[in-house]
Protein backbone atom coordinates (compact mmCIF):
# COMPACT_ATOMS: atom_id res chain seq x y z
CA MET A 1 42.02 57.23 -44.27
CA THR A 2 43.87 56.34 -47.31
CA ARG A 3 42.69 53.41 -48.30
CA SER A 4 45.07 51.15 -51.35
CA LEU A 5 44.78 48.11 -53.08
CA LEU A 6 46.33 46.36 -50.25
CA ASP A 7 43.37 47.38 -48.08
CA SER A 8 40.92 45.53 -50.61
CA PRO A 9 39.27 41.66 -50.15
CA TRP A 10 40.08 40.65 -52.44
CA CYS A 11 43.73 41.50 -51.12
CA VAL A 12 43.75 40.47 -47.64
CA THR A 13 41.88 37.25 -48.56
CA ARG A 14 44.27 36.75 -51.08
CA SER A 15 47.06 36.98 -49.62
CA SER A 16 46.11 35.68 -46.20
CA GLY A 17 44.34 32.57 -47.67
CA GLY A 18 41.03 33.61 -46.20
CA ARG A 19 42.03 33.78 -42.43
CA PRO A 20 43.60 37.53 -42.11
CA ASP A 21 43.20 37.58 -38.44
CA ASP A 22 45.09 33.79 -37.75
CA ARG A 23 48.86 34.98 -36.84
CA ALA A 24 50.44 32.01 -36.93
CA HIS A 25 48.93 30.98 -40.09
CA ALA A 26 49.80 34.16 -42.04
CA ILE A 27 53.71 33.68 -40.53
CA GLY A 28 53.71 30.59 -41.95
CA LEU A 29 52.46 31.97 -45.64
CA TYR A 30 55.06 34.15 -45.16
CA GLU A 31 57.76 31.61 -44.39
CA GLU A 32 56.55 30.04 -47.29
CA ASN A 33 57.37 32.70 -49.90
CA ILE A 34 60.84 32.84 -48.69
CA ARG A 35 61.55 29.47 -49.22
CA MET A 36 59.98 29.19 -52.41
CA VAL A 37 61.75 32.78 -53.76
CA LYS A 38 64.57 31.42 -52.46
CA ALA A 39 64.18 27.46 -53.84
CA ALA A 40 63.15 29.87 -57.59
CA ILE A 41 66.30 32.16 -57.67
CA ALA A 42 69.59 31.57 -58.33
CA PRO A 43 71.73 32.90 -54.74
CA GLU A 44 74.09 34.96 -56.66
CA ARG A 45 70.99 37.08 -57.72
CA LEU A 46 69.09 37.14 -54.90
CA LEU A 47 69.88 39.39 -51.68
CA VAL A 48 67.97 38.23 -48.22
CA HIS A 49 68.10 41.66 -46.87
CA ASN A 50 67.16 42.09 -42.97
CA LEU A 51 66.19 44.48 -41.46
CA GLY A 52 68.77 46.44 -39.49
CA ASP A 53 71.61 45.53 -42.59
CA GLY A 54 72.42 48.71 -43.02
CA TRP A 55 73.57 50.18 -46.81
CA GLN A 56 76.57 47.92 -46.77
CA PRO A 57 75.04 44.89 -47.94
CA LEU A 58 72.66 46.38 -50.35
CA CYS A 59 75.17 48.58 -52.33
CA ALA A 60 77.74 45.96 -52.59
CA PHE A 61 75.09 42.93 -54.23
CA LEU A 62 74.15 45.83 -56.80
CA GLY A 63 77.65 47.16 -57.46
CA LEU A 64 76.59 50.49 -55.61
CA PRO A 65 78.80 52.99 -53.53
CA VAL A 66 77.49 53.58 -49.92
CA PRO A 67 75.94 56.44 -49.41
CA GLU A 68 76.56 59.47 -47.49
CA GLN A 69 72.89 59.91 -45.63
CA PRO A 70 71.83 57.14 -42.81
CA TYR A 71 70.37 54.01 -43.89
CA PRO A 72 66.57 54.28 -43.31
CA SER A 73 65.74 53.19 -39.95
CA LEU A 74 61.90 54.61 -39.64
CA ASN A 75 59.00 51.99 -40.37
CA ALA A 76 55.54 54.34 -39.02
CA ALA A 77 52.96 54.98 -41.26
CA LYS A 78 53.46 58.35 -41.16
CA ASP A 79 56.90 58.37 -42.28
CA PHE A 80 56.15 57.05 -45.15
CA GLN A 81 53.60 59.11 -46.12
CA ASP A 82 54.94 61.75 -44.96
CA ALA A 83 58.04 60.93 -47.46
CA ASN A 84 55.33 59.98 -50.32
CA LEU A 85 53.73 63.38 -49.89
CA LYS A 86 57.17 65.29 -50.07
CA SER A 87 58.23 62.91 -53.39
CA THR A 88 54.62 63.47 -55.29
CA SER A 89 54.54 67.49 -53.85
CA ARG A 90 57.23 68.31 -56.22
């Protein structure tokens, strides 16, 4: 099993307010973080990119053309690990 800094007790405690098993608390922290980011960043400098938005809003925001390849739609740990292995084996 691969572990990362995100799995460390420090990060779990810090990112969850010391309550890693409290789902409602975690969601509240996440939503508060979004509110703080939106309050701190000028709207013209911030793209809130939601799952399923696809390439168009992202590319328009960055001033780049939309790629020909489909927008990634997988979000499984194995898919991420496989993609990461491919990129590091070059």
